[in-house]
Amino acid sequence: MKKLILSVTFALTGMFIATAQSFEGVIEFKKQTTTDTVNYIYHIKGDKVRLDEIGSKSKKVEGSFIIDLKTNSMLSLSHDRKMYIEQASGTPAVVTGKPEVKKTDNVKTIQGMKCTEYIVKNPEEKVQVTYWMASNHYDFFFKLLKVLNRKDKSAVYVQQITGADGMFPFLSTQVNLETNKEEVKMEVTKVEKKTIDAAKFDVPKDYQKFQK
């Protein structure tokens, strides 16, 4: 009987570990502003993230960031020039005023994932960003934001949401509270869970390090 109990316990533990694994795979998304649309691709594996930017005209990967979340380090790659540089994180953005965060009861399915609505409103900066957050062990996301230190409101305001570890915004819309017009929209266009080759996070051997 004891052996049976132990076997069941180990089996359940193994199931829990498997289901609790951090997301590994590819996430594609696009960013739309009033003047341009840019597509991006995330490759995620453990503590490594590769972010590719697709040129709006060339339709090919023009630049990439390779980020190590364990060491908080980042490389920037220029594929046309076949060069790379050690990229320092920017200074964290300063938020004026106190953003108001609200989790609503609204849910919607985006790319097969159930997403919950969060609204971050800041009257002082006259900006409101609405996020549709999915939870599927996207443990890389908030760590990545701290390394990138992007200044755009979508990246800054999402960090005001508490208890969102493991979540990822499948859709966000930024509205100017003065004009009530949408200025920025970011939307996931594809999600694929799969094993990523570790070589994806290596700098190609024929790339040269840029010396300032």
N, C-alpha and C. Protein backbone atom coordinates (compact mmCIF):
# COMPACT_ATOMS: atom_id res chain seq x y z
N MET A 1 0.82 -1.20 0.00
CA MET A 1 0.00 0.00 0.00
C MET A 1 0.86 1.26 0.00
N LYS A 2 1.94 1.24 0.86
CA LYS A 2 2.83 2.40 0.93
C LYS A 2 3.49 2.66 -0.42
N LYS A 3 3.89 1.56 -1.10
CA LYS A 3 4.52 1.72 -2.41
C LYS A 3 3.55 2.35 -3.40
N LEU A 4 2.27 1.95 -3.31
CA LEU A 4 1.26 2.49 -4.21
C LEU A 4 1.06 3.98 -3.96
N ILE A 5 1.00 4.35 -2.68
CA ILE A 5 0.82 5.77 -2.33
C ILE A 5 2.00 6.60 -2.82
N LEU A 6 3.22 6.04 -2.63
CA LEU A 6 4.41 6.76 -3.08
C LEU A 6 4.42 6.93 -4.59
N SER A 7 4.00 5.87 -5.30
CA SER A 7 3.97 5.92 -6.76
C SER A 7 3.01 7.00 -7.25
N VAL A 8 1.82 7.04 -6.62
CA VAL A 8 0.82 8.05 -7.00
C VAL A 8 1.34 9.45 -6.68
N THR A 9 1.99 9.59 -5.51
CA THR A 9 2.54 10.90 -5.10
C THR A 9 3.57 11.39 -6.10
N PHE A 10 4.51 10.51 -6.48
CA PHE A 10 5.55 10.90 -7.44
C PHE A 10 4.94 11.23 -8.80
N ALA A 11 3.92 10.48 -9.18
CA ALA A 11 3.27 10.73 -10.47
C ALA A 11 2.61 12.11 -10.48
N LEU A 12 1.91 12.44 -9.39
CA LEU A 12 1.25 13.74 -9.29
C LEU A 12 2.26 14.87 -9.25
N THR A 13 3.37 14.62 -8.53
CA THR A 13 4.43 15.63 -8.46
C THR A 13 5.01 15.89 -9.83
N GLY A 14 5.22 14.81 -10.59
CA GLY A 14 5.76 14.95 -11.94
C GLY A 14 4.81 15.71 -12.85
N MET A 15 3.49 15.45 -12.69
CA MET A 15 2.50 16.17 -13.48
C MET A 15 2.52 17.65 -13.14
N PHE A 16 2.65 17.98 -11.83
CA PHE A 16 2.67 19.37 -11.40
C PHE A 16 3.87 20.11 -11.96
N ILE A 17 5.05 19.45 -11.91
CA ILE A 17 6.26 20.07 -12.43
C ILE A 17 6.14 20.31 -13.93
N ALA A 18 5.57 19.34 -14.64
CA ALA A 18 5.42 19.47 -16.09
C ALA A 18 4.51 20.62 -16.46
N THR A 19 3.37 20.75 -15.73
CA THR A 19 2.42 21.79 -16.05
C THR A 19 2.89 23.16 -15.59
N ALA A 20 3.82 23.17 -14.62
CA ALA A 20 4.28 24.46 -14.08
C ALA A 20 5.52 24.98 -14.80
N GLN A 21 5.96 24.30 -15.84
CA GLN A 21 7.14 24.72 -16.58
C GLN A 21 6.91 26.06 -17.25
N SER A 22 7.95 26.88 -17.27
CA SER A 22 7.87 28.16 -17.95
C SER A 22 7.68 27.95 -19.45
N PHE A 23 7.04 28.92 -20.07
CA PHE A 23 6.76 28.84 -21.50
C PHE A 23 8.06 28.77 -22.31
N GLU A 24 8.10 27.85 -23.26
CA GLU A 24 9.18 27.79 -24.24
C GLU A 24 8.56 27.75 -25.62
N GLY A 25 9.02 28.62 -26.49
CA GLY A 25 8.45 28.64 -27.83
C GLY A 25 8.59 29.99 -28.49
N VAL A 26 7.64 30.30 -29.39
CA VAL A 26 7.70 31.50 -30.21
C VAL A 26 6.41 32.32 -30.02
N ILE A 27 6.57 33.62 -29.85
CA ILE A 27 5.44 34.54 -29.80
C ILE A 27 5.68 35.63 -30.84
N GLU A 28 4.74 35.78 -31.77
CA GLU A 28 4.82 36.84 -32.77
C GLU A 28 3.79 37.91 -32.44
N PHE A 29 4.18 39.17 -32.60
CA PHE A 29 3.22 40.24 -32.35
C PHE A 29 3.54 41.44 -33.23
N LYS A 30 2.59 42.33 -33.34
CA LYS A 30 2.79 43.54 -34.14
C LYS A 30 2.43 44.77 -33.32
N LYS A 31 3.14 45.85 -33.61
CA LYS A 31 2.91 47.13 -32.95
C LYS A 31 2.46 48.13 -34.01
N GLN A 32 1.27 48.70 -33.79
CA GLN A 32 0.72 49.68 -34.71
C GLN A 32 0.67 51.05 -34.04
N THR A 33 1.21 52.04 -34.72
CA THR A 33 1.08 53.43 -34.27
C THR A 33 0.31 54.19 -35.34
N THR A 34 0.17 55.47 -35.15
CA THR A 34 -0.55 56.28 -36.13
C THR A 34 0.23 56.42 -37.43
N THR A 35 1.51 56.07 -37.41
CA THR A 35 2.34 56.26 -38.60
C THR A 35 2.98 54.99 -39.15
N ASP A 36 2.98 53.90 -38.37
CA ASP A 36 3.75 52.74 -38.82
C ASP A 36 3.24 51.46 -38.16
N THR A 37 3.58 50.33 -38.77
CA THR A 37 3.30 49.01 -38.21
C THR A 37 4.58 48.19 -38.27
N VAL A 38 5.01 47.67 -37.11
CA VAL A 38 6.23 46.88 -37.04
C VAL A 38 5.92 45.52 -36.42
N ASN A 39 6.49 44.47 -36.99
CA ASN A 39 6.28 43.12 -36.48
C ASN A 39 7.51 42.64 -35.72
N TYR A 40 7.26 41.88 -34.66
CA TYR A 40 8.33 41.36 -33.81
C TYR A 40 8.13 39.87 -33.58
N ILE A 41 9.22 39.19 -33.26
CA ILE A 41 9.16 37.77 -32.91
C ILE A 41 9.99 37.53 -31.66
N TYR A 42 9.38 36.92 -30.65
CA TYR A 42 10.10 36.46 -29.46
C TYR A 42 10.42 34.98 -29.63
N HIS A 43 11.66 34.59 -29.33
CA HIS A 43 12.01 33.18 -29.12
C HIS A 43 12.40 33.07 -27.65
N ILE A 44 11.75 32.16 -26.93
CA ILE A 44 11.96 32.06 -25.49
C ILE A 44 12.39 30.65 -25.12
N LYS A 45 13.47 30.57 -24.33
CA LYS A 45 13.93 29.27 -23.83
C LYS A 45 14.61 29.50 -22.48
N GLY A 46 13.99 29.08 -21.41
CA GLY A 46 14.57 29.25 -20.08
C GLY A 46 14.82 30.71 -19.77
N ASP A 47 16.07 31.05 -19.47
CA ASP A 47 16.45 32.43 -19.15
C ASP A 47 16.93 33.20 -20.38
N LYS A 48 16.74 32.64 -21.55
CA LYS A 48 17.19 33.31 -22.77
C LYS A 48 15.99 33.77 -23.61
N VAL A 49 16.10 34.99 -24.13
CA VAL A 49 15.07 35.53 -25.02
C VAL A 49 15.75 36.17 -26.22
N ARG A 50 15.25 35.89 -27.39
CA ARG A 50 15.71 36.58 -28.60
C ARG A 50 14.52 37.36 -29.16
N LEU A 51 14.74 38.64 -29.40
CA LEU A 51 13.70 39.51 -29.94
C LEU A 51 14.12 39.98 -31.32
N ASP A 52 13.39 39.56 -32.35
CA ASP A 52 13.68 39.95 -33.73
C ASP A 52 12.70 41.03 -34.18
N GLU A 53 13.23 42.03 -34.86
CA GLU A 53 12.38 43.08 -35.43
C GLU A 53 12.34 42.91 -36.95
N ILE A 54 11.11 42.81 -37.48
CA ILE A 54 10.91 42.64 -38.92
C ILE A 54 10.71 44.00 -39.56
N GLY A 55 11.51 44.33 -40.56
CA GLY A 55 11.38 45.61 -41.23
C GLY A 55 10.04 45.76 -41.92
N SER A 56 9.42 46.91 -41.78
CA SER A 56 8.09 47.13 -42.37
C SER A 56 8.15 47.12 -43.90
N LYS A 57 9.30 47.49 -44.47
CA LYS A 57 9.43 47.49 -45.93
C LYS A 57 10.14 46.24 -46.43
N SER A 58 11.22 45.85 -45.75
CA SER A 58 12.01 44.70 -46.22
C SER A 58 11.33 43.36 -45.93
N LYS A 59 10.48 43.35 -44.87
CA LYS A 59 9.78 42.12 -44.45
C LYS A 59 10.75 41.03 -44.01
N LYS A 60 11.94 41.44 -43.59
CA LYS A 60 12.91 40.48 -43.09
C LYS A 60 13.44 40.95 -41.74
N VAL A 61 14.12 40.05 -41.04
CA VAL A 61 14.68 40.40 -39.73
C VAL A 61 15.84 41.36 -39.95
N GLU A 62 15.68 42.59 -39.48
CA GLU A 62 16.72 43.60 -39.67
C GLU A 62 17.62 43.75 -38.44
N GLY A 63 17.04 43.54 -37.26
CA GLY A 63 17.81 43.66 -36.04
C GLY A 63 17.29 42.71 -34.99
N SER A 64 18.16 42.33 -34.07
CA SER A 64 17.78 41.40 -33.01
C SER A 64 18.42 41.80 -31.69
N PHE A 65 17.74 41.43 -30.62
CA PHE A 65 18.32 41.51 -29.29
C PHE A 65 18.38 40.10 -28.73
N ILE A 66 19.51 39.75 -28.14
CA ILE A 66 19.63 38.48 -27.42
C ILE A 66 19.82 38.82 -25.95
N ILE A 67 18.87 38.39 -25.14
CA ILE A 67 18.84 38.80 -23.73
C ILE A 67 19.02 37.60 -22.83
N ASP A 68 19.89 37.73 -21.84
CA ASP A 68 20.09 36.71 -20.81
C ASP A 68 19.46 37.25 -19.53
N LEU A 69 18.34 36.65 -19.13
CA LEU A 69 17.61 37.14 -17.97
C LEU A 69 18.29 36.79 -16.65
N LYS A 70 19.20 35.82 -16.69
CA LYS A 70 19.91 35.43 -15.47
C LYS A 70 21.00 36.45 -15.13
N THR A 71 21.67 36.95 -16.16
CA THR A 71 22.77 37.90 -15.95
C THR A 71 22.33 39.34 -16.23
N ASN A 72 21.08 39.51 -16.67
CA ASN A 72 20.56 40.84 -17.02
C ASN A 72 21.44 41.53 -18.07
N SER A 73 21.91 40.74 -19.03
CA SER A 73 22.77 41.27 -20.09
C SER A 73 22.07 41.15 -21.44
N MET A 74 22.56 41.95 -22.40
CA MET A 74 21.86 42.03 -23.68
C MET A 74 22.85 42.33 -24.81
N LEU A 75 22.65 41.66 -25.94
CA LEU A 75 23.42 41.91 -27.14
C LEU A 75 22.48 42.43 -28.22
N SER A 76 22.96 43.39 -28.99
CA SER A 76 22.20 43.92 -30.11
C SER A 76 22.90 43.51 -31.40
N LEU A 77 22.14 42.93 -32.34
CA LEU A 77 22.70 42.42 -33.59
C LEU A 77 22.18 43.21 -34.78
N SER A 78 23.10 43.60 -35.66
CA SER A 78 22.74 44.20 -36.94
C SER A 78 23.05 43.17 -38.02
N HIS A 79 22.01 42.65 -38.65
CA HIS A 79 22.21 41.54 -39.58
C HIS A 79 22.77 42.01 -40.93
N ASP A 80 22.38 43.19 -41.37
CA ASP A 80 22.91 43.70 -42.64
C ASP A 80 24.41 43.94 -42.54
N ARG A 81 24.85 44.46 -41.40
CA ARG A 81 26.27 44.78 -41.22
C ARG A 81 27.06 43.61 -40.62
N LYS A 82 26.33 42.57 -40.20
CA LYS A 82 26.95 41.41 -39.56
C LYS A 82 27.83 41.83 -38.38
N MET A 83 27.22 42.61 -37.51
CA MET A 83 27.93 43.11 -36.33
C MET A 83 27.04 42.97 -35.11
N TYR A 84 27.68 42.97 -33.94
CA TYR A 84 26.94 42.95 -32.70
C TYR A 84 27.61 43.85 -31.68
N ILE A 85 26.84 44.24 -30.67
CA ILE A 85 27.36 45.12 -29.63
C ILE A 85 26.74 44.74 -28.30
N GLU A 86 27.51 44.87 -27.24
CA GLU A 86 26.96 44.67 -25.90
C GLU A 86 26.12 45.89 -25.56
N GLN A 87 24.84 45.66 -25.37
CA GLN A 87 23.88 46.75 -25.19
C GLN A 87 23.58 46.95 -23.71
N ALA A 88 23.79 48.14 -23.22
CA ALA A 88 23.47 48.45 -21.83
C ALA A 88 21.98 48.74 -21.69
N SER A 89 21.41 48.39 -20.54
CA SER A 89 20.01 48.71 -20.27
C SER A 89 19.86 50.21 -20.09
N GLY A 90 18.73 50.74 -20.53
CA GLY A 90 18.46 52.15 -20.32
C GLY A 90 18.06 52.41 -18.89
N THR A 91 17.97 53.67 -18.53
CA THR A 91 17.51 54.02 -17.19
C THR A 91 16.00 53.81 -17.10
N PRO A 92 15.51 53.34 -15.97
CA PRO A 92 14.07 53.11 -15.84
C PRO A 92 13.26 54.38 -16.09
N ALA A 93 12.12 54.24 -16.73
CA ALA A 93 11.26 55.39 -17.00
C ALA A 93 10.65 55.91 -15.70
N VAL A 94 10.49 57.22 -15.63
CA VAL A 94 9.86 57.86 -14.47
C VAL A 94 8.40 58.15 -14.81
N VAL A 95 7.49 57.67 -13.98
CA VAL A 95 6.06 57.89 -14.19
C VAL A 95 5.62 59.11 -13.39
N THR A 96 5.01 60.07 -14.07
CA THR A 96 4.48 61.25 -13.40
C THR A 96 3.07 60.94 -12.91
N GLY A 97 2.78 61.31 -11.66
CA GLY A 97 1.46 61.02 -11.11
C GLY A 97 1.37 59.59 -10.61
N LYS A 98 0.16 59.18 -10.26
CA LYS A 98 -0.07 57.85 -9.73
C LYS A 98 -1.09 57.11 -10.60
N PRO A 99 -0.62 56.13 -11.40
CA PRO A 99 -1.54 55.39 -12.26
C PRO A 99 -2.59 54.62 -11.45
N GLU A 100 -3.81 54.58 -11.99
CA GLU A 100 -4.90 53.83 -11.37
C GLU A 100 -5.02 52.50 -12.10
N VAL A 101 -4.95 51.41 -11.36
CA VAL A 101 -5.01 50.08 -11.96
C VAL A 101 -6.34 49.42 -11.61
N LYS A 102 -7.00 48.89 -12.63
CA LYS A 102 -8.30 48.23 -12.42
C LYS A 102 -8.34 46.91 -13.18
N LYS A 103 -8.66 45.85 -12.47
CA LYS A 103 -8.91 44.56 -13.11
C LYS A 103 -10.41 44.41 -13.26
N THR A 104 -10.87 44.17 -14.48
CA THR A 104 -12.31 44.05 -14.71
C THR A 104 -12.72 42.58 -14.76
N ASP A 105 -14.01 42.35 -14.92
CA ASP A 105 -14.53 40.98 -15.05
C ASP A 105 -14.59 40.55 -16.51
N ASN A 106 -14.12 41.40 -17.40
CA ASN A 106 -14.19 41.10 -18.83
C ASN A 106 -13.10 40.12 -19.24
N VAL A 107 -13.48 39.15 -20.04
CA VAL A 107 -12.52 38.19 -20.59
C VAL A 107 -12.79 38.02 -22.08
N LYS A 108 -11.74 37.68 -22.81
CA LYS A 108 -11.90 37.35 -24.23
C LYS A 108 -10.82 36.36 -24.61
N THR A 109 -11.08 35.60 -25.66
CA THR A 109 -10.11 34.62 -26.15
C THR A 109 -9.33 35.21 -27.31
N ILE A 110 -8.01 35.22 -27.17
CA ILE A 110 -7.12 35.73 -28.22
C ILE A 110 -6.08 34.66 -28.51
N GLN A 111 -5.99 34.27 -29.77
CA GLN A 111 -5.05 33.22 -30.18
C GLN A 111 -5.20 31.96 -29.31
N GLY A 112 -6.44 31.64 -28.99
CA GLY A 112 -6.73 30.43 -28.23
C GLY A 112 -6.51 30.54 -26.74
N MET A 113 -6.10 31.72 -26.25
CA MET A 113 -5.84 31.90 -24.82
C MET A 113 -6.90 32.80 -24.19
N LYS A 114 -7.35 32.41 -23.00
CA LYS A 114 -8.30 33.22 -22.25
C LYS A 114 -7.56 34.40 -21.64
N CYS A 115 -8.02 35.61 -21.93
CA CYS A 115 -7.35 36.82 -21.48
C CYS A 115 -8.28 37.66 -20.60
N THR A 116 -7.73 38.23 -19.55
CA THR A 116 -8.46 39.07 -18.62
C THR A 116 -8.08 40.52 -18.83
N GLU A 117 -9.07 41.41 -18.72
CA GLU A 117 -8.84 42.83 -18.97
C GLU A 117 -8.32 43.56 -17.74
N TYR A 118 -7.25 44.32 -17.95
CA TYR A 118 -6.71 45.23 -16.94
C TYR A 118 -6.62 46.62 -17.57
N ILE A 119 -6.99 47.63 -16.82
CA ILE A 119 -6.93 49.01 -17.31
C ILE A 119 -6.02 49.82 -16.39
N VAL A 120 -5.02 50.47 -16.99
CA VAL A 120 -4.11 51.34 -16.24
C VAL A 120 -4.32 52.76 -16.76
N LYS A 121 -4.79 53.62 -15.89
CA LYS A 121 -5.14 54.99 -16.28
C LYS A 121 -4.32 55.99 -15.47
N ASN A 122 -3.76 56.97 -16.16
CA ASN A 122 -2.96 57.99 -15.49
C ASN A 122 -3.40 59.38 -15.97
N PRO A 123 -4.32 60.02 -15.24
CA PRO A 123 -4.81 61.35 -15.64
C PRO A 123 -3.69 62.38 -15.72
N GLU A 124 -2.65 62.21 -14.89
CA GLU A 124 -1.55 63.18 -14.88
C GLU A 124 -0.82 63.18 -16.23
N GLU A 125 -0.61 62.01 -16.79
CA GLU A 125 0.07 61.91 -18.08
C GLU A 125 -0.92 61.83 -19.24
N LYS A 126 -2.22 61.84 -18.89
CA LYS A 126 -3.29 61.85 -19.90
C LYS A 126 -3.21 60.61 -20.81
N VAL A 127 -2.91 59.48 -20.18
CA VAL A 127 -2.77 58.23 -20.92
C VAL A 127 -3.53 57.11 -20.22
N GLN A 128 -4.16 56.27 -21.02
CA GLN A 128 -4.79 55.05 -20.50
C GLN A 128 -4.40 53.89 -21.40
N VAL A 129 -3.96 52.80 -20.78
CA VAL A 129 -3.60 51.60 -21.54
C VAL A 129 -4.47 50.44 -21.04
N THR A 130 -5.12 49.78 -21.97
CA THR A 130 -5.94 48.61 -21.65
C THR A 130 -5.19 47.36 -22.11
N TYR A 131 -5.04 46.42 -21.18
CA TYR A 131 -4.31 45.18 -21.46
C TYR A 131 -5.26 43.99 -21.37
N TRP A 132 -5.07 43.04 -22.26
CA TRP A 132 -5.74 41.75 -22.16
C TRP A 132 -4.65 40.72 -21.87
N MET A 133 -4.60 40.28 -20.60
CA MET A 133 -3.50 39.48 -20.10
C MET A 133 -3.85 38.00 -20.07
N ALA A 134 -2.94 37.19 -20.62
CA ALA A 134 -3.08 35.73 -20.58
C ALA A 134 -2.09 35.16 -19.58
N SER A 135 -2.48 34.09 -18.92
CA SER A 135 -1.61 33.46 -17.93
C SER A 135 -1.28 32.04 -18.37
N ASN A 136 -0.02 31.83 -18.73
CA ASN A 136 0.39 30.49 -19.16
C ASN A 136 1.88 30.29 -18.89
N HIS A 137 2.31 30.72 -17.68
CA HIS A 137 3.72 30.58 -17.27
C HIS A 137 4.67 31.36 -18.19
N TYR A 138 4.25 32.58 -18.56
CA TYR A 138 5.12 33.46 -19.34
C TYR A 138 6.06 34.19 -18.37
N ASP A 139 6.88 33.42 -17.68
CA ASP A 139 7.70 33.96 -16.59
C ASP A 139 8.78 34.92 -17.08
N PHE A 140 9.09 34.88 -18.34
CA PHE A 140 10.16 35.71 -18.90
C PHE A 140 9.77 37.18 -19.01
N PHE A 141 8.47 37.47 -19.13
CA PHE A 141 8.04 38.78 -19.62
C PHE A 141 8.45 39.95 -18.73
N PHE A 142 8.10 39.91 -17.46
CA PHE A 142 8.39 41.05 -16.58
C PHE A 142 9.89 41.17 -16.30
N LYS A 143 10.60 40.03 -16.32
CA LYS A 143 12.06 40.08 -16.19
C LYS A 143 12.66 40.78 -17.41
N LEU A 144 12.11 40.47 -18.57
CA LEU A 144 12.58 41.07 -19.82
C LEU A 144 12.39 42.58 -19.82
N LEU A 145 11.23 43.02 -19.34
CA LEU A 145 10.95 44.46 -19.31
C LEU A 145 11.98 45.21 -18.47
N LYS A 146 12.41 44.60 -17.38
CA LYS A 146 13.38 45.25 -16.50
C LYS A 146 14.76 45.35 -17.16
N VAL A 147 15.08 44.41 -18.05
CA VAL A 147 16.36 44.47 -18.76
C VAL A 147 16.28 45.50 -19.89
N LEU A 148 15.18 45.48 -20.64
CA LEU A 148 15.04 46.37 -21.78
C LEU A 148 14.86 47.82 -21.34
N ASN A 149 14.09 48.02 -20.26
CA ASN A 149 13.80 49.38 -19.77
C ASN A 149 13.29 50.29 -20.88
N ARG A 150 12.31 49.80 -21.61
CA ARG A 150 11.71 50.60 -22.67
C ARG A 150 10.90 51.75 -22.07
N LYS A 151 10.83 52.85 -22.81
CA LYS A 151 10.16 54.04 -22.30
C LYS A 151 8.71 54.16 -22.77
N ASP A 152 8.29 53.33 -23.73
CA ASP A 152 6.92 53.45 -24.22
C ASP A 152 5.93 53.10 -23.11
N LYS A 153 4.79 53.78 -23.13
CA LYS A 153 3.82 53.68 -22.03
C LYS A 153 3.30 52.26 -21.86
N SER A 154 3.15 51.52 -22.94
CA SER A 154 2.64 50.15 -22.83
C SER A 154 3.56 49.29 -21.99
N ALA A 155 4.88 49.46 -22.16
CA ALA A 155 5.86 48.68 -21.40
C ALA A 155 5.97 49.18 -19.97
N VAL A 156 5.81 50.48 -19.76
CA VAL A 156 5.95 51.06 -18.43
C VAL A 156 4.71 50.79 -17.56
N TYR A 157 3.54 51.01 -18.13
CA TYR A 157 2.30 50.90 -17.35
C TYR A 157 1.96 49.48 -16.94
N VAL A 158 2.33 48.49 -17.77
CA VAL A 158 1.99 47.10 -17.43
C VAL A 158 2.70 46.68 -16.15
N GLN A 159 3.82 47.33 -15.85
CA GLN A 159 4.56 47.01 -14.63
C GLN A 159 3.90 47.58 -13.37
N GLN A 160 2.84 48.35 -13.56
CA GLN A 160 2.07 48.86 -12.43
C GLN A 160 1.05 47.84 -11.93
N ILE A 161 0.83 46.78 -12.73
CA ILE A 161 -0.15 45.75 -12.35
C ILE A 161 0.49 44.79 -11.36
N THR A 162 -0.13 44.64 -10.20
CA THR A 162 0.38 43.71 -9.19
C THR A 162 -0.22 42.32 -9.40
N GLY A 163 0.55 41.31 -8.99
CA GLY A 163 0.07 39.93 -9.10
C GLY A 163 -0.02 39.42 -10.53
N ALA A 164 0.77 40.01 -11.43
CA ALA A 164 0.69 39.63 -12.84
C ALA A 164 1.86 38.75 -13.28
N ASP A 165 2.65 38.25 -12.34
CA ASP A 165 3.77 37.38 -12.69
C ASP A 165 3.28 36.17 -13.47
N GLY A 166 3.97 35.83 -14.54
CA GLY A 166 3.56 34.70 -15.37
C GLY A 166 2.56 35.06 -16.45
N MET A 167 2.14 36.33 -16.48
CA MET A 167 1.19 36.77 -17.49
C MET A 167 1.89 37.46 -18.66
N PHE A 168 1.19 37.55 -19.78
CA PHE A 168 1.70 38.21 -20.97
C PHE A 168 0.53 38.93 -21.65
N PRO A 169 0.72 40.19 -22.06
CA PRO A 169 -0.38 40.92 -22.73
C PRO A 169 -0.54 40.47 -24.18
N PHE A 170 -1.65 39.85 -24.47
CA PHE A 170 -1.93 39.42 -25.84
C PHE A 170 -2.48 40.57 -26.68
N LEU A 171 -2.96 41.59 -26.01
CA LEU A 171 -3.46 42.77 -26.72
C LEU A 171 -3.38 43.95 -25.77
N SER A 172 -2.89 45.09 -26.27
CA SER A 172 -2.90 46.31 -25.48
C SER A 172 -3.21 47.49 -26.39
N THR A 173 -3.97 48.44 -25.87
CA THR A 173 -4.31 49.64 -26.63
C THR A 173 -4.04 50.86 -25.76
N GLN A 174 -3.34 51.80 -26.32
CA GLN A 174 -3.00 53.03 -25.61
C GLN A 174 -3.83 54.18 -26.17
N VAL A 175 -4.53 54.88 -25.27
CA VAL A 175 -5.43 55.95 -25.67
C VAL A 175 -5.00 57.26 -25.03
N ASN A 176 -5.05 58.33 -25.81
CA ASN A 176 -4.81 59.68 -25.31
C ASN A 176 -6.10 60.18 -24.66
N LEU A 177 -6.06 60.48 -23.37
CA LEU A 177 -7.27 60.86 -22.65
C LEU A 177 -7.78 62.25 -23.04
N GLU A 178 -6.94 63.06 -23.64
CA GLU A 178 -7.38 64.38 -24.10
C GLU A 178 -8.18 64.28 -25.39
N THR A 179 -7.68 63.47 -26.32
CA THR A 179 -8.34 63.35 -27.63
C THR A 179 -9.25 62.13 -27.72
N ASN A 180 -9.08 61.20 -26.75
CA ASN A 180 -9.82 59.93 -26.74
C ASN A 180 -9.51 59.10 -27.99
N LYS A 181 -8.31 59.30 -28.55
CA LYS A 181 -7.92 58.55 -29.74
C LYS A 181 -6.87 57.50 -29.40
N GLU A 182 -6.98 56.37 -30.08
CA GLU A 182 -6.00 55.30 -29.91
C GLU A 182 -4.70 55.69 -30.62
N GLU A 183 -3.59 55.61 -29.89
CA GLU A 183 -2.31 56.00 -30.44
C GLU A 183 -1.39 54.82 -30.72
N VAL A 184 -1.49 53.77 -29.88
CA VAL A 184 -0.63 52.59 -30.05
C VAL A 184 -1.46 51.34 -29.77
N LYS A 185 -1.25 50.34 -30.61
CA LYS A 185 -1.91 49.04 -30.40
C LYS A 185 -0.87 47.96 -30.59
N MET A 186 -0.79 47.04 -29.62
CA MET A 186 0.11 45.89 -29.73
C MET A 186 -0.72 44.62 -29.61
N GLU A 187 -0.49 43.68 -30.52
CA GLU A 187 -1.35 42.50 -30.60
C GLU A 187 -0.55 41.25 -30.97
N VAL A 188 -0.75 40.19 -30.21
CA VAL A 188 -0.13 38.90 -30.52
C VAL A 188 -0.82 38.31 -31.75
N THR A 189 -0.02 37.89 -32.71
CA THR A 189 -0.57 37.32 -33.94
C THR A 189 -0.36 35.82 -34.05
N LYS A 190 0.57 35.29 -33.23
CA LYS A 190 0.82 33.84 -33.28
C LYS A 190 1.56 33.41 -32.02
N VAL A 191 1.17 32.25 -31.48
CA VAL A 191 1.86 31.66 -30.34
C VAL A 191 2.09 30.18 -30.65
N GLU A 192 3.31 29.74 -30.45
CA GLU A 192 3.64 28.34 -30.71
C GLU A 192 4.55 27.81 -29.61
N LYS A 193 4.04 26.86 -28.86
CA LYS A 193 4.88 26.20 -27.85
C LYS A 193 5.70 25.12 -28.53
N LYS A 194 7.02 25.23 -28.43
CA LYS A 194 7.87 24.22 -29.04
C LYS A 194 9.28 24.36 -28.45
N THR A 195 10.09 23.35 -28.69
CA THR A 195 11.47 23.38 -28.21
C THR A 195 12.30 24.27 -29.12
N ILE A 196 13.02 25.20 -28.52
CA ILE A 196 13.85 26.12 -29.28
C ILE A 196 15.31 25.67 -29.21
N ASP A 197 15.97 25.63 -30.35
CA ASP A 197 17.39 25.27 -30.42
C ASP A 197 18.20 26.32 -29.66
N ALA A 198 19.07 25.86 -28.76
CA ALA A 198 19.89 26.78 -27.97
C ALA A 198 20.77 27.67 -28.84
N ALA A 199 21.09 27.21 -30.04
CA ALA A 199 21.93 28.00 -30.96
C ALA A 199 21.24 29.28 -31.41
N LYS A 200 19.94 29.35 -31.21
CA LYS A 200 19.18 30.54 -31.60
C LYS A 200 19.66 31.76 -30.82
N PHE A 201 20.30 31.53 -29.68
CA PHE A 201 20.72 32.63 -28.81
C PHE A 201 22.23 32.88 -28.88
N ASP A 202 22.87 32.28 -29.89
CA ASP A 202 24.29 32.50 -30.12
C ASP A 202 24.48 33.56 -31.20
N VAL A 203 25.55 34.32 -31.08
CA VAL A 203 25.92 35.27 -32.13
C VAL A 203 26.55 34.48 -33.28
N PRO A 204 26.09 34.68 -34.52
CA PRO A 204 26.71 33.96 -35.66
C PRO A 204 28.22 34.16 -35.69
N LYS A 205 28.95 33.12 -36.06
CA LYS A 205 30.41 33.15 -36.01
C LYS A 205 31.03 34.19 -36.94
N ASP A 206 30.32 34.55 -38.01
CA ASP A 206 30.89 35.53 -38.93
C ASP A 206 30.55 36.97 -38.59
N TYR A 207 29.93 37.18 -37.40
CA TYR A 207 29.61 38.55 -36.97
C TYR A 207 30.79 39.11 -36.18
N GLN A 208 31.07 40.38 -36.39
CA GLN A 208 32.15 41.06 -35.69
C GLN A 208 31.59 41.95 -34.57
N LYS A 209 32.35 42.03 -33.48
CA LYS A 209 31.93 42.89 -32.39
C LYS A 209 32.23 44.35 -32.74
N PHE A 210 31.22 45.19 -32.55
CA PHE A 210 31.38 46.61 -32.85
C PHE A 210 32.18 47.28 -31.73
N GLN A 211 33.23 47.97 -32.11
CA GLN A 211 34.07 48.68 -31.14
C GLN A 211 33.81 50.18 -31.24
N LYS A 212 33.42 50.76 -30.12
CA LYS A 212 33.13 52.20 -30.12
C LYS A 212 34.42 53.00 -30.23
